């Protein structure tokens, strides 16, 4: 089985800004910089042949590059917040790519619930949830970070990722990368991933 998701990687300058935004975090466990990403679609635990079918469907996506900006801090989790995140500015290109990714997964046979997509990058986790004075300190931290901005930056590709649960947190592995074409240039992405091969299947997908 493979725990898989589709995501955007972030450029170094944006990663640096996110690390700076974590400074002074009064509680919780900060996410490691190497694991920052923006999820487009979580696929769940799937057999390797199913993930391979999704891989082929994603490779067929035709999409244009677009600009993206991260902005503002927020908390998520009903009752006791469990995640500190950075939000995303209005981005039509991101919404279009998300729709294509979800449709590709559906075409590969995966069911997807129709729910509102809230793009974000996770900065920290609070395993037990926030309550009391700790919650107040974190909310004050979030208020101070309301003006956070990173970008805009160009999104030129997206990736199929694998998640393995380690002792200190999730470990991510890139299974395949899919390029987006330059807008207005008339050029077209090949539809084939830069990592992996539609003939031989996914790298690193050993079915464990």
N, C-alpha and C. Protein backbone atom coordinates (compact mmCIF):
# COMPACT_ATOMS: atom_id res chain seq x y z
N UNK A 1 0.84 -1.20 0.00
CA UNK A 1 0.00 0.00 0.00
C UNK A 1 0.88 1.26 0.00
N UNK A 2 0.40 2.28 -0.68
CA UNK A 2 1.12 3.54 -0.76
C UNK A 2 0.21 4.66 -0.26
N UNK A 3 0.71 5.42 0.69
CA UNK A 3 0.00 6.61 1.17
C UNK A 3 0.43 7.76 0.28
N UNK A 4 -0.47 8.21 -0.58
CA UNK A 4 -0.07 9.13 -1.65
C UNK A 4 -0.86 10.43 -1.63
N UNK A 5 -0.23 11.46 -2.17
CA UNK A 5 -0.92 12.74 -2.34
C UNK A 5 -0.25 13.50 -3.48
N UNK A 6 -0.95 14.51 -3.98
CA UNK A 6 -0.44 15.35 -5.07
C UNK A 6 -0.20 16.74 -4.48
N UNK A 7 0.96 17.32 -4.78
CA UNK A 7 1.31 18.57 -4.09
C UNK A 7 2.20 19.46 -4.95
N UNK A 8 2.36 20.69 -4.46
CA UNK A 8 3.32 21.64 -5.02
C UNK A 8 4.50 21.76 -4.07
N UNK A 9 5.70 21.71 -4.61
CA UNK A 9 6.89 22.04 -3.83
C UNK A 9 7.01 23.57 -3.79
N UNK A 10 7.82 24.08 -2.88
CA UNK A 10 7.96 25.52 -2.69
C UNK A 10 9.40 25.94 -2.96
N UNK A 11 9.60 27.11 -3.59
CA UNK A 11 10.96 27.58 -3.85
C UNK A 11 11.70 27.93 -2.56
N UNK A 12 13.02 27.94 -2.64
CA UNK A 12 13.85 28.17 -1.45
C UNK A 12 13.52 29.48 -0.74
N UNK A 13 13.27 30.53 -1.49
CA UNK A 13 12.98 31.83 -0.87
C UNK A 13 11.71 31.77 -0.04
N UNK A 14 10.72 31.04 -0.53
CA UNK A 14 9.46 30.90 0.20
C UNK A 14 9.67 30.03 1.44
N UNK A 15 10.43 28.96 1.28
CA UNK A 15 10.74 28.11 2.44
C UNK A 15 11.43 28.92 3.53
N UNK A 16 12.36 29.78 3.14
CA UNK A 16 13.05 30.63 4.10
C UNK A 16 12.09 31.55 4.84
N UNK A 17 11.12 32.10 4.11
CA UNK A 17 10.14 32.99 4.73
C UNK A 17 9.25 32.21 5.71
N UNK A 18 8.92 30.98 5.37
CA UNK A 18 8.10 30.15 6.26
C UNK A 18 8.86 29.79 7.54
N UNK A 19 10.14 29.49 7.39
CA UNK A 19 10.95 29.20 8.58
C UNK A 19 10.99 30.42 9.49
N UNK A 20 11.14 31.61 8.89
CA UNK A 20 11.16 32.83 9.68
C UNK A 20 9.82 33.04 10.39
N UNK A 21 8.73 32.65 9.73
CA UNK A 21 7.40 32.81 10.33
C UNK A 21 7.20 31.89 11.53
N UNK A 22 7.97 30.80 11.59
CA UNK A 22 7.86 29.87 12.72
C UNK A 22 8.57 30.40 13.98
N UNK A 23 9.45 31.37 13.80
CA UNK A 23 10.25 31.87 14.92
C UNK A 23 9.36 32.40 16.04
N UNK A 24 9.64 32.00 17.25
CA UNK A 24 8.88 32.47 18.40
C UNK A 24 7.60 31.69 18.64
N UNK A 25 7.40 30.59 17.92
CA UNK A 25 6.20 29.78 18.12
C UNK A 25 6.11 29.37 19.60
N UNK A 26 5.03 29.72 20.32
CA UNK A 26 4.98 29.49 21.76
C UNK A 26 4.59 28.08 22.17
N UNK A 27 4.15 27.26 21.24
CA UNK A 27 3.72 25.89 21.59
C UNK A 27 3.69 25.05 20.33
N UNK A 28 3.54 23.75 20.51
CA UNK A 28 3.40 22.85 19.38
C UNK A 28 4.72 22.38 18.80
N UNK A 29 4.61 21.63 17.71
CA UNK A 29 5.78 21.06 17.04
C UNK A 29 5.89 21.67 15.65
N UNK A 30 6.94 22.43 15.42
CA UNK A 30 7.14 23.08 14.13
C UNK A 30 7.43 22.04 13.05
N UNK A 31 6.86 22.24 11.89
CA UNK A 31 7.12 21.36 10.74
C UNK A 31 8.51 21.65 10.21
N UNK A 32 9.25 20.60 9.86
CA UNK A 32 10.59 20.78 9.31
C UNK A 32 10.53 21.42 7.92
N UNK A 33 11.48 22.30 7.68
CA UNK A 33 11.49 23.03 6.41
C UNK A 33 11.52 22.11 5.20
N UNK A 34 12.21 20.98 5.31
CA UNK A 34 12.35 20.06 4.18
C UNK A 34 11.02 19.42 3.78
N UNK A 35 10.02 19.51 4.65
CA UNK A 35 8.74 18.86 4.35
C UNK A 35 7.63 19.85 3.98
N UNK A 36 7.95 21.15 3.89
CA UNK A 36 6.94 22.12 3.47
C UNK A 36 6.40 21.77 2.09
N UNK A 37 5.10 21.84 1.93
CA UNK A 37 4.47 21.62 0.62
C UNK A 37 3.04 22.15 0.67
N UNK A 38 2.43 22.27 -0.48
CA UNK A 38 1.03 22.66 -0.58
C UNK A 38 0.28 21.53 -1.26
N UNK A 39 -0.61 20.91 -0.52
CA UNK A 39 -1.34 19.75 -1.05
C UNK A 39 -2.42 20.16 -2.04
N UNK A 40 -2.45 19.49 -3.17
CA UNK A 40 -3.52 19.65 -4.15
C UNK A 40 -4.63 18.63 -3.93
N UNK A 41 -4.24 17.40 -3.60
CA UNK A 41 -5.23 16.34 -3.36
C UNK A 41 -4.59 15.22 -2.57
N UNK A 42 -5.26 14.78 -1.52
CA UNK A 42 -4.78 13.64 -0.74
C UNK A 42 -5.47 12.38 -1.27
N UNK A 43 -4.69 11.39 -1.65
CA UNK A 43 -5.23 10.19 -2.28
C UNK A 43 -5.49 9.07 -1.28
N UNK A 44 -4.87 9.13 -0.10
CA UNK A 44 -5.06 8.10 0.91
C UNK A 44 -4.16 6.89 0.70
N UNK A 45 -4.42 5.84 1.43
CA UNK A 45 -3.68 4.58 1.32
C UNK A 45 -4.25 3.78 0.15
N UNK A 46 -3.42 3.53 -0.86
CA UNK A 46 -3.91 2.86 -2.07
C UNK A 46 -2.94 1.77 -2.50
N UNK A 47 -3.44 0.71 -3.13
CA UNK A 47 -2.55 -0.31 -3.70
C UNK A 47 -1.69 0.31 -4.79
N UNK A 48 -0.50 -0.24 -4.99
CA UNK A 48 0.42 0.30 -5.98
C UNK A 48 -0.20 0.40 -7.38
N UNK A 49 -0.95 -0.60 -7.87
CA UNK A 49 -1.52 -0.47 -9.22
C UNK A 49 -2.48 0.72 -9.34
N UNK A 50 -3.19 1.04 -8.26
CA UNK A 50 -4.11 2.18 -8.29
C UNK A 50 -3.32 3.49 -8.38
N UNK A 51 -2.26 3.60 -7.58
CA UNK A 51 -1.42 4.80 -7.62
C UNK A 51 -0.78 4.94 -9.00
N UNK A 52 -0.42 3.82 -9.60
CA UNK A 52 0.17 3.87 -10.94
C UNK A 52 -0.85 4.38 -11.96
N UNK A 53 -2.11 3.97 -11.82
CA UNK A 53 -3.16 4.48 -12.71
C UNK A 53 -3.32 5.99 -12.54
N UNK A 54 -3.26 6.47 -11.30
CA UNK A 54 -3.35 7.90 -11.05
C UNK A 54 -2.16 8.61 -11.70
N UNK A 55 -1.00 8.01 -11.57
CA UNK A 55 0.23 8.56 -12.18
C UNK A 55 0.03 8.78 -13.68
N UNK A 56 -0.51 7.79 -14.38
CA UNK A 56 -0.74 7.94 -15.82
C UNK A 56 -1.73 9.06 -16.10
N UNK A 57 -2.78 9.16 -15.28
CA UNK A 57 -3.80 10.19 -15.48
C UNK A 57 -3.22 11.58 -15.22
N UNK A 58 -2.39 11.70 -14.22
CA UNK A 58 -1.76 13.00 -13.93
C UNK A 58 -0.81 13.41 -15.05
N UNK A 59 -0.12 12.44 -15.63
CA UNK A 59 0.83 12.72 -16.71
C UNK A 59 0.12 13.27 -17.95
N UNK A 60 -1.18 13.03 -18.06
CA UNK A 60 -1.94 13.50 -19.22
C UNK A 60 -2.49 14.91 -19.03
N UNK A 61 -2.33 15.48 -17.84
CA UNK A 61 -2.87 16.81 -17.58
C UNK A 61 -2.12 17.86 -18.41
N UNK A 62 -2.88 18.75 -19.02
CA UNK A 62 -2.32 19.90 -19.72
C UNK A 62 -2.70 21.14 -18.93
N UNK A 63 -1.73 21.86 -18.46
CA UNK A 63 -2.01 23.06 -17.67
C UNK A 63 -0.91 24.08 -17.84
N UNK A 64 -1.25 25.33 -17.55
CA UNK A 64 -0.29 26.41 -17.68
C UNK A 64 0.30 26.79 -16.32
N UNK A 65 1.52 27.30 -16.37
CA UNK A 65 2.15 27.82 -15.16
C UNK A 65 1.33 29.00 -14.64
N UNK A 66 1.47 29.28 -13.35
CA UNK A 66 0.73 30.39 -12.76
C UNK A 66 1.49 30.93 -11.56
N UNK A 67 1.10 32.13 -11.15
CA UNK A 67 1.72 32.78 -10.00
C UNK A 67 0.92 32.46 -8.74
N UNK A 68 1.63 32.33 -7.63
CA UNK A 68 0.99 31.99 -6.36
C UNK A 68 1.64 32.81 -5.25
N UNK A 69 0.83 33.22 -4.30
CA UNK A 69 1.34 33.97 -3.15
C UNK A 69 0.77 33.37 -1.87
N UNK A 70 1.61 33.19 -0.87
CA UNK A 70 1.17 32.75 0.45
C UNK A 70 0.94 33.98 1.31
N UNK A 71 -0.10 33.92 2.15
CA UNK A 71 -0.39 35.10 2.98
C UNK A 71 -1.19 34.73 4.23
N UNK A 72 -0.80 35.36 5.35
CA UNK A 72 -1.53 35.25 6.59
C UNK A 72 -1.35 33.93 7.32
N UNK A 73 -1.41 33.98 8.65
CA UNK A 73 -1.37 32.77 9.47
C UNK A 73 -2.78 32.43 9.93
N UNK A 74 -3.03 31.15 10.19
CA UNK A 74 -4.33 30.73 10.66
C UNK A 74 -4.25 29.43 11.44
N UNK A 75 -5.34 29.09 12.12
CA UNK A 75 -5.45 27.85 12.88
C UNK A 75 -6.60 27.03 12.32
N UNK A 76 -6.45 25.72 12.33
CA UNK A 76 -7.53 24.85 11.87
C UNK A 76 -7.70 23.68 12.82
N UNK A 77 -8.91 23.15 12.84
CA UNK A 77 -9.26 22.08 13.76
C UNK A 77 -10.42 22.51 14.63
N UNK A 78 -11.53 21.80 14.55
CA UNK A 78 -12.71 22.19 15.30
C UNK A 78 -12.47 22.04 16.81
N UNK A 79 -13.04 22.95 17.56
CA UNK A 79 -12.89 22.88 19.02
C UNK A 79 -11.49 23.27 19.45
N UNK A 80 -10.61 22.29 19.52
CA UNK A 80 -9.22 22.54 19.87
C UNK A 80 -8.38 22.59 18.59
N UNK A 81 -7.87 23.75 18.21
CA UNK A 81 -7.05 23.83 17.00
C UNK A 81 -5.85 22.89 17.08
N UNK A 82 -5.55 22.22 15.98
CA UNK A 82 -4.46 21.25 15.94
C UNK A 82 -3.39 21.59 14.92
N UNK A 83 -3.64 22.59 14.08
CA UNK A 83 -2.70 22.93 13.01
C UNK A 83 -2.56 24.45 12.88
N UNK A 84 -1.32 24.89 12.77
CA UNK A 84 -1.02 26.27 12.41
C UNK A 84 -0.60 26.27 10.95
N UNK A 85 -1.20 27.14 10.15
CA UNK A 85 -0.91 27.12 8.73
C UNK A 85 -0.78 28.53 8.16
N UNK A 86 -0.22 28.58 6.96
CA UNK A 86 -0.18 29.80 6.16
C UNK A 86 -1.19 29.64 5.04
N UNK A 87 -1.97 30.68 4.80
CA UNK A 87 -2.98 30.62 3.76
C UNK A 87 -2.43 30.98 2.39
N UNK A 88 -3.32 30.99 1.41
CA UNK A 88 -2.95 31.25 0.01
C UNK A 88 -3.81 32.39 -0.51
N UNK A 89 -3.19 33.32 -1.23
CA UNK A 89 -3.93 34.40 -1.86
C UNK A 89 -4.80 33.88 -2.99
N UNK A 90 -5.69 34.73 -3.49
CA UNK A 90 -6.57 34.34 -4.58
C UNK A 90 -5.72 33.88 -5.77
N UNK A 91 -5.99 32.66 -6.26
CA UNK A 91 -5.17 32.09 -7.34
C UNK A 91 -6.05 31.22 -8.23
N UNK A 92 -6.49 31.80 -9.33
CA UNK A 92 -7.33 31.05 -10.26
C UNK A 92 -6.57 29.86 -10.83
N UNK A 93 -5.28 30.05 -11.10
CA UNK A 93 -4.48 28.96 -11.66
C UNK A 93 -4.42 27.77 -10.73
N UNK A 94 -4.32 28.01 -9.43
CA UNK A 94 -4.29 26.92 -8.46
C UNK A 94 -5.61 26.16 -8.45
N UNK A 95 -6.71 26.89 -8.49
CA UNK A 95 -8.03 26.25 -8.50
C UNK A 95 -8.21 25.38 -9.74
N UNK A 96 -7.75 25.88 -10.88
CA UNK A 96 -7.88 25.11 -12.12
C UNK A 96 -7.04 23.84 -12.07
N UNK A 97 -5.82 23.96 -11.55
CA UNK A 97 -4.97 22.78 -11.46
C UNK A 97 -5.56 21.78 -10.48
N UNK A 98 -6.05 22.24 -9.37
CA UNK A 98 -6.69 21.35 -8.39
C UNK A 98 -7.85 20.58 -9.04
N UNK A 99 -8.68 21.26 -9.81
CA UNK A 99 -9.81 20.61 -10.48
C UNK A 99 -9.33 19.53 -11.43
N UNK A 100 -8.25 19.81 -12.17
CA UNK A 100 -7.72 18.83 -13.11
C UNK A 100 -7.13 17.62 -12.40
N UNK A 101 -6.47 17.86 -11.27
CA UNK A 101 -5.89 16.77 -10.49
C UNK A 101 -6.99 15.87 -9.93
N UNK A 102 -8.02 16.49 -9.37
CA UNK A 102 -9.13 15.70 -8.81
C UNK A 102 -9.82 14.89 -9.91
N UNK A 103 -10.03 15.52 -11.08
CA UNK A 103 -10.67 14.79 -12.17
C UNK A 103 -9.80 13.64 -12.65
N UNK A 104 -8.48 13.85 -12.69
CA UNK A 104 -7.57 12.78 -13.09
C UNK A 104 -7.66 11.61 -12.12
N UNK A 105 -7.73 11.91 -10.83
CA UNK A 105 -7.85 10.84 -9.82
C UNK A 105 -9.18 10.10 -9.98
N UNK A 106 -10.24 10.84 -10.26
CA UNK A 106 -11.54 10.20 -10.48
C UNK A 106 -11.50 9.31 -11.72
N UNK A 107 -10.85 9.82 -12.77
CA UNK A 107 -10.73 9.03 -14.00
C UNK A 107 -9.98 7.72 -13.75
N UNK A 108 -9.08 7.76 -12.75
CA UNK A 108 -8.31 6.56 -12.40
C UNK A 108 -9.07 5.65 -11.44
N UNK A 109 -10.30 6.06 -11.09
CA UNK A 109 -11.15 5.20 -10.26
C UNK A 109 -11.21 5.55 -8.79
N UNK A 110 -10.61 6.69 -8.38
CA UNK A 110 -10.66 7.07 -6.97
C UNK A 110 -11.86 7.96 -6.69
N UNK A 111 -12.63 7.65 -5.66
CA UNK A 111 -13.75 8.51 -5.30
C UNK A 111 -13.25 9.76 -4.57
N UNK A 112 -13.85 10.90 -4.86
CA UNK A 112 -13.48 12.13 -4.17
C UNK A 112 -14.75 12.82 -3.68
N UNK A 113 -14.80 13.09 -2.37
CA UNK A 113 -15.94 13.82 -1.84
C UNK A 113 -15.89 15.25 -2.33
N UNK A 114 -17.06 15.83 -2.57
CA UNK A 114 -17.11 17.23 -2.98
C UNK A 114 -17.10 18.08 -1.72
N UNK A 115 -15.95 18.63 -1.42
CA UNK A 115 -15.81 19.50 -0.26
C UNK A 115 -14.97 20.71 -0.63
N UNK A 116 -15.14 21.76 0.12
CA UNK A 116 -14.41 22.99 -0.17
C UNK A 116 -12.91 22.76 -0.02
N UNK A 117 -12.17 23.25 -0.99
CA UNK A 117 -10.72 23.14 -0.96
C UNK A 117 -10.14 24.36 -0.28
N UNK A 118 -9.36 24.13 0.77
CA UNK A 118 -8.73 25.23 1.51
C UNK A 118 -7.22 25.07 1.44
N UNK A 119 -6.60 25.61 0.40
CA UNK A 119 -5.14 25.43 0.23
C UNK A 119 -4.37 26.12 1.35
N UNK A 120 -3.32 25.47 1.80
CA UNK A 120 -2.51 26.02 2.89
C UNK A 120 -1.18 25.27 2.96
N UNK A 121 -0.26 25.83 3.71
CA UNK A 121 1.00 25.17 4.04
C UNK A 121 1.07 25.06 5.56
N UNK A 122 1.24 23.85 6.05
CA UNK A 122 1.27 23.62 7.50
C UNK A 122 2.61 24.08 8.07
N UNK A 123 2.53 24.89 9.14
CA UNK A 123 3.73 25.38 9.82
C UNK A 123 4.01 24.61 11.11
N UNK A 124 2.96 24.19 11.81
CA UNK A 124 3.15 23.51 13.09
C UNK A 124 1.90 22.68 13.41
N UNK A 125 2.11 21.69 14.29
CA UNK A 125 1.00 20.84 14.72
C UNK A 125 0.93 20.82 16.25
N UNK A 126 -0.30 20.73 16.73
CA UNK A 126 -0.55 20.63 18.17
C UNK A 126 -1.29 19.32 18.39
N UNK A 127 -0.58 18.29 18.73
CA UNK A 127 -1.14 16.94 18.74
C UNK A 127 -2.36 16.78 19.64
N UNK A 128 -2.33 17.42 20.81
CA UNK A 128 -3.45 17.29 21.74
C UNK A 128 -4.49 18.39 21.56
N UNK A 129 -4.25 19.31 20.65
CA UNK A 129 -5.16 20.43 20.48
C UNK A 129 -4.84 21.54 21.47
N UNK A 130 -5.20 22.76 21.12
CA UNK A 130 -4.90 23.92 21.95
C UNK A 130 -6.05 24.24 22.89
N UNK A 131 -5.73 24.47 24.15
CA UNK A 131 -6.73 24.91 25.13
C UNK A 131 -6.06 25.89 26.09
N UNK A 132 -6.90 26.64 26.80
CA UNK A 132 -6.43 27.48 27.89
C UNK A 132 -5.41 28.53 27.49
N UNK A 133 -4.45 28.76 28.39
CA UNK A 133 -3.44 29.79 28.18
C UNK A 133 -2.58 29.51 26.96
N UNK A 134 -2.30 28.24 26.72
CA UNK A 134 -1.50 27.88 25.54
C UNK A 134 -2.21 28.32 24.27
N UNK A 135 -3.52 28.11 24.21
CA UNK A 135 -4.30 28.52 23.04
C UNK A 135 -4.26 30.04 22.88
N UNK A 136 -4.35 30.77 23.97
CA UNK A 136 -4.31 32.22 23.90
C UNK A 136 -2.96 32.72 23.38
N UNK A 137 -1.88 32.09 23.83
CA UNK A 137 -0.55 32.50 23.37
C UNK A 137 -0.40 32.26 21.87
N UNK A 138 -0.90 31.12 21.40
CA UNK A 138 -0.78 30.81 19.97
C UNK A 138 -1.67 31.74 19.16
N UNK A 139 -2.86 32.05 19.65
CA UNK A 139 -3.74 32.98 18.92
C UNK A 139 -3.11 34.36 18.82
N UNK A 140 -2.40 34.78 19.87
CA UNK A 140 -1.70 36.06 19.80
C UNK A 140 -0.57 35.99 18.77
N UNK A 141 0.10 34.85 18.70
CA UNK A 141 1.15 34.64 17.71
C UNK A 141 0.56 34.73 16.30
N UNK A 142 -0.59 34.13 16.10
CA UNK A 142 -1.26 34.16 14.79
C UNK A 142 -1.65 35.60 14.43
N UNK A 143 -2.16 36.33 15.40
CA UNK A 143 -2.55 37.72 15.14
C UNK A 143 -1.36 38.56 14.72
N UNK A 144 -0.20 38.32 15.34
CA UNK A 144 1.00 39.07 14.97
C UNK A 144 1.47 38.72 13.56
N UNK A 145 1.12 37.52 13.11
CA UNK A 145 1.54 37.07 11.78
C UNK A 145 0.52 37.31 10.69
N UNK A 146 -0.50 38.11 10.99
CA UNK A 146 -1.58 38.33 10.02
C UNK A 146 -1.08 38.97 8.74
N UNK A 147 0.00 39.74 8.82
CA UNK A 147 0.51 40.43 7.64
C UNK A 147 1.54 39.62 6.86
N UNK A 148 1.74 38.37 7.24
CA UNK A 148 2.75 37.54 6.55
C UNK A 148 2.44 37.43 5.06
N UNK A 149 3.48 37.59 4.25
CA UNK A 149 3.37 37.41 2.80
C UNK A 149 4.63 36.70 2.30
N UNK A 150 4.48 35.84 1.32
CA UNK A 150 5.61 35.21 0.65
C UNK A 150 5.24 35.02 -0.81
N UNK A 151 6.05 35.55 -1.70
CA UNK A 151 5.75 35.50 -3.12
C UNK A 151 5.29 36.87 -3.61
N UNK A 152 4.74 36.89 -4.84
CA UNK A 152 4.35 35.72 -5.65
C UNK A 152 5.54 34.98 -6.25
N UNK A 153 5.31 33.70 -6.54
CA UNK A 153 6.29 32.87 -7.21
C UNK A 153 5.60 32.05 -8.28
N UNK A 154 6.39 31.61 -9.27
CA UNK A 154 5.81 30.85 -10.37
C UNK A 154 5.72 29.37 -10.02
N UNK A 155 4.57 28.80 -10.29
CA UNK A 155 4.38 27.35 -10.15
C UNK A 155 4.55 26.74 -11.53
N UNK A 156 5.62 25.97 -11.71
CA UNK A 156 5.96 25.42 -13.03
C UNK A 156 5.76 23.91 -13.10
N UNK A 157 5.39 23.28 -11.98
CA UNK A 157 5.23 21.82 -11.97
C UNK A 157 4.47 21.40 -10.72
N UNK A 158 3.99 20.17 -10.72
CA UNK A 158 3.38 19.59 -9.54
C UNK A 158 3.87 18.15 -9.43
N UNK A 159 3.63 17.52 -8.29
CA UNK A 159 4.25 16.22 -8.03
C UNK A 159 3.30 15.24 -7.39
N UNK A 160 3.56 13.96 -7.66
CA UNK A 160 2.92 12.86 -6.95
C UNK A 160 3.87 12.44 -5.84
N UNK A 161 3.38 12.43 -4.62
CA UNK A 161 4.22 12.21 -3.46
C UNK A 161 3.76 10.97 -2.67
N UNK A 162 4.73 10.42 -1.96
CA UNK A 162 4.46 9.31 -1.05
C UNK A 162 4.80 9.74 0.37
N UNK A 163 3.97 9.38 1.32
CA UNK A 163 4.19 9.72 2.72
C UNK A 163 4.41 8.44 3.52
N UNK A 164 5.50 8.43 4.28
CA UNK A 164 5.76 7.34 5.21
C UNK A 164 5.81 7.94 6.62
N UNK A 165 5.17 7.29 7.55
CA UNK A 165 5.11 7.80 8.92
C UNK A 165 6.35 7.35 9.69
N UNK A 166 7.17 8.32 10.10
CA UNK A 166 8.36 8.04 10.89
C UNK A 166 8.15 8.41 12.34
N UNK A 167 9.13 8.11 13.17
CA UNK A 167 9.02 8.41 14.60
C UNK A 167 8.93 9.89 14.89
N UNK A 168 9.65 10.69 14.11
CA UNK A 168 9.67 12.13 14.35
C UNK A 168 8.74 12.90 13.41
N UNK A 169 7.92 12.18 12.66
CA UNK A 169 6.99 12.83 11.75
C UNK A 169 7.01 12.17 10.39
N UNK A 170 6.19 12.66 9.46
CA UNK A 170 6.12 12.06 8.13
C UNK A 170 7.39 12.27 7.31
N UNK A 171 7.70 11.28 6.49
CA UNK A 171 8.82 11.36 5.56
C UNK A 171 8.22 11.32 4.15
N UNK A 172 8.56 12.31 3.34
CA UNK A 172 7.97 12.42 2.01
C UNK A 172 8.96 12.00 0.93
N UNK A 173 8.44 11.33 -0.06
CA UNK A 173 9.23 10.89 -1.21
C UNK A 173 8.52 11.31 -2.49
N UNK A 174 9.23 11.92 -3.40
CA UNK A 174 8.66 12.31 -4.69
C UNK A 174 8.65 11.11 -5.63
N UNK A 175 7.47 10.73 -6.10
CA UNK A 175 7.35 9.61 -7.02
C UNK A 175 7.43 10.06 -8.47
N UNK A 176 6.85 11.21 -8.78
CA UNK A 176 6.88 11.72 -10.15
C UNK A 176 6.62 13.21 -10.15
N UNK A 177 7.19 13.90 -11.13
CA UNK A 177 7.00 15.35 -11.28
C UNK A 177 6.42 15.62 -12.66
N UNK A 178 5.42 16.50 -12.73
CA UNK A 178 4.70 16.77 -13.97
C UNK A 178 4.83 18.26 -14.30
N UNK A 179 5.41 18.59 -15.45
CA UNK A 179 5.63 20.01 -15.80
C UNK A 179 4.36 20.69 -16.29
N UNK A 180 4.29 21.99 -16.07
CA UNK A 180 3.24 22.83 -16.63
C UNK A 180 3.86 23.68 -17.74
N UNK A 181 3.09 23.96 -18.76
CA UNK A 181 3.65 24.72 -19.88
C UNK A 181 3.66 26.21 -19.57
N UNK A 182 4.56 26.92 -20.22
CA UNK A 182 4.64 28.37 -20.07
C UNK A 182 3.44 29.00 -20.76
N UNK A 183 2.70 29.83 -20.05
CA UNK A 183 1.49 30.43 -20.60
C UNK A 183 1.79 31.36 -21.76
N UNK A 184 0.98 31.24 -22.81
CA UNK A 184 1.09 32.15 -23.95
C UNK A 184 2.26 31.88 -24.86
N UNK A 185 3.07 30.87 -24.54
CA UNK A 185 4.26 30.63 -25.37
C UNK A 185 3.98 29.72 -26.54
N UNK A 186 2.84 29.02 -26.44
CA UNK A 186 2.52 28.07 -27.49
C UNK A 186 3.19 26.74 -27.27
N UNK A 187 4.11 26.68 -26.29
CA UNK A 187 4.77 25.40 -26.02
C UNK A 187 3.90 24.55 -25.12
N UNK A 188 4.10 23.28 -25.16
CA UNK A 188 3.27 22.35 -24.41
C UNK A 188 4.15 21.40 -23.65
N UNK A 189 3.75 21.16 -22.38
CA UNK A 189 4.46 20.13 -21.63
C UNK A 189 4.26 18.78 -22.29
N UNK A 190 5.17 17.89 -22.08
CA UNK A 190 5.11 16.60 -22.75
C UNK A 190 4.02 15.71 -22.20
N UNK A 191 3.55 16.04 -20.97
CA UNK A 191 2.57 15.17 -20.34
C UNK A 191 3.22 13.98 -19.67
N UNK A 192 4.52 13.83 -19.79
CA UNK A 192 5.24 12.75 -19.14
C UNK A 192 6.00 13.31 -17.96
N UNK A 193 6.04 12.59 -16.84
CA UNK A 193 6.73 13.10 -15.66
C UNK A 193 8.23 13.13 -15.85
N UNK A 194 8.89 14.08 -15.19
CA UNK A 194 10.34 14.15 -15.24
C UNK A 194 10.96 13.04 -14.41
N UNK A 195 10.23 12.59 -13.40
CA UNK A 195 10.73 11.50 -12.56
C UNK A 195 9.74 10.35 -12.70
N UNK A 196 10.22 9.16 -12.97
CA UNK A 196 9.30 8.05 -13.22
C UNK A 196 9.10 7.86 -14.71
N UNK A 197 8.45 6.82 -15.10
CA UNK A 197 8.30 6.49 -16.50
C UNK A 197 6.95 5.82 -16.70
N UNK A 198 6.15 6.37 -17.61
CA UNK A 198 4.82 5.82 -17.83
C UNK A 198 4.86 4.41 -18.41
N UNK A 199 6.03 3.98 -18.88
CA UNK A 199 6.15 2.63 -19.40
C UNK A 199 6.47 1.63 -18.27
N UNK A 200 7.38 2.04 -17.39
CA UNK A 200 7.84 1.09 -16.39
C UNK A 200 7.22 1.27 -15.02
N UNK A 201 6.41 2.33 -14.84
CA UNK A 201 5.74 2.54 -13.57
C UNK A 201 6.49 3.50 -12.68
N UNK A 202 6.08 3.58 -11.42
CA UNK A 202 6.59 4.56 -10.48
C UNK A 202 7.88 4.13 -9.83
N UNK A 203 8.82 5.08 -9.67
CA UNK A 203 10.04 4.75 -8.94
C UNK A 203 9.75 4.67 -7.46
N UNK A 204 10.36 3.78 -6.75
CA UNK A 204 10.22 3.72 -5.31
C UNK A 204 8.92 3.12 -4.84
N UNK A 205 8.04 2.75 -5.75
CA UNK A 205 6.75 2.18 -5.37
C UNK A 205 6.89 0.68 -5.26
N UNK A 206 7.32 0.24 -4.09
CA UNK A 206 7.60 -1.19 -3.92
C UNK A 206 6.43 -1.94 -3.32
N UNK A 207 5.31 -1.20 -3.14
CA UNK A 207 4.12 -1.87 -2.64
C UNK A 207 4.12 -2.09 -1.14
N UNK A 208 5.13 -1.54 -0.41
CA UNK A 208 5.20 -1.73 1.04
C UNK A 208 4.10 -0.95 1.72
